[in-house]
Amino acid sequence: MIETAQQNGSFTKKFAWVRGQIWICNGLLLVVAFCLGWRMHTNTRVQAESAGSVFFQLSGLDEGDALTLYYPDQKALYVYQGILTGNAYLGCTYRFQLGKPGEPITRHICPITVMH
């Protein structure tokens, strides 16, 4: 009976020691993963531009709201006004054709779009 109690006590101590090692190992893995993640994101920049890309800007959230789309390949800005009010199908309001820096910007009225 005394041997069994000693063996159980020894087993409990070993089990507690193994559990402690598991916690330490998991903690170290967590710290290493955090450090790697922190290091990986420090010098990363988003490379969003590619062939056929489009850039957009939403301005205003009232009656004067507009969505502006810029297509670098065409060097053109397309403006859609009143996008948050009225019909869900919207046509372009204006198109601005860009040239070289310093040149005048040409504004064109977009053709009337037919709703489908």
C-alpha atoms as a PDB file:
ATOM      1  CA  MET A   1       0.000   0.000   0.000  1.00  0.00           C
ATOM      2  CA  ILE A   2       2.858   2.370   0.823  1.00  0.00           C
ATOM      3  CA  GLU A   3       4.576   1.480  -2.462  1.00  0.00           C
ATOM      4  CA  THR A   4       1.431   2.300  -4.416  1.00  0.00           C
ATOM      5  CA  ALA A   5       1.116   5.692  -2.711  1.00  0.00           C
ATOM      6  CA  GLN A   6       4.756   6.457  -3.490  1.00  0.00           C
ATOM      7  CA  GLN A   7       4.339   5.345  -7.072  1.00  0.00           C
ATOM      8  CA  ASN A   8       1.184   7.469  -7.454  1.00  0.00           C
ATOM      9  CA  GLY A   9       2.989  10.475  -5.971  1.00  0.00           C
ATOM     10  CA  SER A  10       5.916   9.947  -8.332  1.00  0.00           C
ATOM     11  CA  PHE A  11       3.535   9.609 -11.271  1.00  0.00           C
ATOM     12  CA  THR A  12       1.690  12.779 -10.278  1.00  0.00           C
ATOM     13  CA  LYS A  13       4.963  14.716 -10.060  1.00  0.00           C
ATOM     14  CA  LYS A  14       6.084  13.445 -13.473  1.00  0.00           C
ATOM     15  CA  PHE A  15       2.687  14.238 -14.975  1.00  0.00           C
ATOM     16  CA  ALA A  16       2.785  17.756 -13.536  1.00  0.00           C
ATOM     17  CA  TRP A  17       6.306  18.219 -14.889  1.00  0.00           C
ATOM     18  CA  VAL A  18       5.246  17.040 -18.381  1.00  0.00           C
ATOM     19  CA  ARG A  19       2.216  19.353 -18.282  1.00  0.00           C
ATOM     20  CA  GLY A  20       4.532  22.203 -17.347  1.00  0.00           C
ATOM     21  CA  GLN A  21       6.805  21.377 -20.286  1.00  0.00           C
ATOM     22  CA  ILE A  22       3.846  21.342 -22.655  1.00  0.00           C
ATOM     23  CA  TRP A  23       2.758  24.804 -21.449  1.00  0.00           C
ATOM     24  CA  ILE A  24       6.303  26.146 -21.834  1.00  0.00           C
ATOM     25  CA  CYS A  25       6.627  24.633 -25.317  1.00  0.00           C
ATOM     26  CA  ASN A  26       3.253  26.046 -26.402  1.00  0.00           C
ATOM     27  CA  GLY A  27       4.177  29.443 -24.979  1.00  0.00           C
ATOM     28  CA  LEU A  28       7.489  29.477 -26.848  1.00  0.00           C
ATOM     29  CA  LEU A  29       5.772  28.468 -30.092  1.00  0.00           C
ATOM     30  CA  LEU A  30       3.267  31.268 -29.634  1.00  0.00           C
ATOM     31  CA  VAL A  31       6.049  33.819 -29.051  1.00  0.00           C
ATOM     32  CA  VAL A  32       7.974  32.581 -32.112  1.00  0.00           C
ATOM     33  CA  ALA A  33       4.828  32.718 -34.302  1.00  0.00           C
ATOM     34  CA  PHE A  34       4.060  36.243 -33.071  1.00  0.00           C
ATOM     35  CA  CYS A  35       7.626  37.414 -33.746  1.00  0.00           C
ATOM     36  CA  LEU A  36       7.638  35.890 -37.232  1.00  0.00           C
ATOM     37  CA  GLY A  37       4.290  37.485 -38.044  1.00  0.00           C
ATOM     38  CA  TRP A  38       5.460  40.838 -36.754  1.00  0.00           C
ATOM     39  CA  ARG A  39       8.662  40.611 -38.783  1.00  0.00           C
ATOM     40  CA  MET A  40       6.857  39.533 -41.939  1.00  0.00           C
ATOM     41  CA  HIS A  41       4.445  42.483 -42.006  1.00  0.00           C
ATOM     42  CA  THR A  42       6.882  45.299 -41.240  1.00  0.00           C
ATOM     43  CA  ASN A  43       8.194  45.896 -44.774  1.00  0.00           C
ATOM     44  CA  THR A  44       5.277  44.566 -46.802  1.00  0.00           C
ATOM     45  CA  ARG A  45       3.524  46.957 -49.155  1.00  0.00           C
ATOM     46  CA  VAL A  46       0.383  46.266 -51.076  1.00  0.00           C
ATOM     47  CA  GLN A  47       0.982  45.937 -54.789  1.00  0.00           C
ATOM     48  CA  ALA A  48      -2.488  46.658 -56.117  1.00  0.00           C
ATOM     49  CA  GLU A  49      -1.684  47.949 -59.582  1.00  0.00           C
ATOM     50  CA  SER A  50      -1.708  45.491 -62.419  1.00  0.00           C
ATOM     51  CA  ALA A  51      -2.791  45.427 -66.029  1.00  0.00           C
ATOM     52  CA  GLY A  52      -6.467  46.279 -66.279  1.00  0.00           C
ATOM     53  CA  SER A  53      -6.717  47.604 -62.736  1.00  0.00           C
ATOM     54  CA  VAL A  54      -9.148  50.246 -61.545  1.00  0.00           C
ATOM     55  CA  PHE A  55      -8.923  52.651 -58.620  1.00  0.00           C
ATOM     56  CA  PHE A  56     -11.987  54.132 -56.969  1.00  0.00           C
ATOM     57  CA  GLN A  57     -13.045  56.821 -54.510  1.00  0.00           C
ATOM     58  CA  LEU A  58     -16.415  57.221 -52.838  1.00  0.00           C
ATOM     59  CA  SER A  59     -17.123  60.774 -51.706  1.00  0.00           C
ATOM     60  CA  GLY A  60     -20.070  62.036 -49.716  1.00  0.00           C
ATOM     61  CA  LEU A  61     -22.852  59.995 -48.200  1.00  0.00           C
ATOM     62  CA  ASP A  62     -25.804  62.261 -48.983  1.00  0.00           C
ATOM     63  CA  GLU A  63     -27.459  63.763 -52.079  1.00  0.00           C
ATOM     64  CA  GLY A  64     -24.075  64.983 -53.343  1.00  0.00           C
ATOM     65  CA  ASP A  65     -22.417  61.581 -53.244  1.00  0.00           C
ATOM     66  CA  ALA A  66     -20.275  60.362 -56.112  1.00  0.00           C
ATOM     67  CA  LEU A  67     -18.196  57.395 -57.106  1.00  0.00           C
ATOM     68  CA  THR A  68     -15.071  58.143 -59.101  1.00  0.00           C
ATOM     69  CA  LEU A  69     -13.317  55.371 -61.021  1.00  0.00           C
ATOM     70  CA  TYR A  70      -9.826  55.808 -62.453  1.00  0.00           C
ATOM     71  CA  TYR A  71      -8.577  53.532 -65.214  1.00  0.00           C
ATOM     72  CA  PRO A  72      -4.801  54.003 -65.555  1.00  0.00           C
ATOM     73  CA  ASP A  73      -4.659  52.216 -68.924  1.00  0.00           C
ATOM     74  CA  GLN A  74      -7.104  54.725 -70.430  1.00  0.00           C
ATOM     75  CA  LYS A  75      -5.897  57.716 -68.371  1.00  0.00           C
ATOM     76  CA  ALA A  76      -9.554  58.477 -67.686  1.00  0.00           C
ATOM     77  CA  LEU A  77     -11.720  59.274 -64.651  1.00  0.00           C
ATOM     78  CA  TYR A  78     -15.369  58.244 -64.676  1.00  0.00           C
ATOM     79  CA  VAL A  79     -17.753  59.990 -62.269  1.00  0.00           C
ATOM     80  CA  TYR A  80     -21.039  58.428 -61.172  1.00  0.00           C
ATOM     81  CA  GLN A  81     -23.208  60.888 -59.227  1.00  0.00           C
ATOM     82  CA  GLY A  82     -26.061  60.070 -56.835  1.00  0.00           C
ATOM     83  CA  ILE A  83     -24.990  56.475 -56.385  1.00  0.00           C
ATOM     84  CA  LEU A  84     -26.687  56.035 -52.998  1.00  0.00           C
ATOM     85  CA  THR A  85     -30.054  57.462 -54.014  1.00  0.00           C
ATOM     86  CA  GLY A  86     -32.597  56.522 -56.644  1.00  0.00           C
ATOM     87  CA  ASN A  87     -32.262  53.684 -59.084  1.00  0.00           C
ATOM     88  CA  ALA A  88     -29.833  50.825 -58.472  1.00  0.00           C
ATOM     89  CA  TYR A  89     -28.699  50.885 -62.121  1.00  0.00           C
ATOM     90  CA  LEU A  90     -26.518  53.940 -62.732  1.00  0.00           C
ATOM     91  CA  GLY A  91     -24.787  55.319 -65.739  1.00  0.00           C
ATOM     92  CA  CYS A  92     -21.646  57.401 -65.888  1.00  0.00           C
ATOM     93  CA  THR A  93     -22.251  61.167 -65.507  1.00  0.00           C
ATOM     94  CA  TYR A  94     -18.889  62.547 -66.670  1.00  0.00           C
ATOM     95  CA  ARG A  95     -15.655  61.225 -68.062  1.00  0.00           C
ATOM     96  CA  PHE A  96     -12.458  63.194 -67.598  1.00  0.00           C
ATOM     97  CA  GLN A  97      -9.706  62.445 -70.085  1.00  0.00           C
ATOM     98  CA  LEU A  98      -6.257  63.052 -68.633  1.00  0.00           C
ATOM     99  CA  GLY A  99      -3.203  63.904 -70.686  1.00  0.00           C
ATOM    100  CA  LYS A 100       0.286  64.788 -69.623  1.00  0.00           C
ATOM    101  CA  PRO A 101       0.797  66.622 -66.312  1.00  0.00           C
ATOM    102  CA  GLY A 102       0.031  70.316 -66.755  1.00  0.00           C
ATOM    103  CA  GLU A 103      -2.128  69.847 -69.847  1.00  0.00           C
ATOM    104  CA  PRO A 104      -5.803  70.793 -69.751  1.00  0.00           C
ATOM    105  CA  ILE A 105      -8.236  68.099 -68.644  1.00  0.00           C
ATOM    106  CA  THR A 106     -11.055  67.364 -71.057  1.00  0.00           C
ATOM    107  CA  ARG A 107     -14.519  66.677 -69.615  1.00  0.00           C
ATOM    108  CA  HIS A 108     -16.916  64.583 -71.660  1.00  0.00           C
ATOM    109  CA  ILE A 109     -20.539  63.825 -70.909  1.00  0.00           C
ATOM    110  CA  CYS A 110     -20.943  60.076 -70.838  1.00  0.00           C
ATOM    111  CA  PRO A 111     -23.317  58.554 -73.387  1.00  0.00           C
ATOM    112  CA  ILE A 112     -26.780  57.694 -72.109  1.00  0.00           C
ATOM    113  CA  THR A 113     -26.850  54.101 -71.005  1.00  0.00           C
ATOM    114  CA  VAL A 114     -29.789  51.868 -71.774  1.00  0.00           C
ATOM    115  CA  MET A 115     -31.172  49.955 -68.787  1.00  0.00           C
ATOM    116  CA  HIS A 116     -31.482  46.235 -69.209  1.00  0.00           C
END
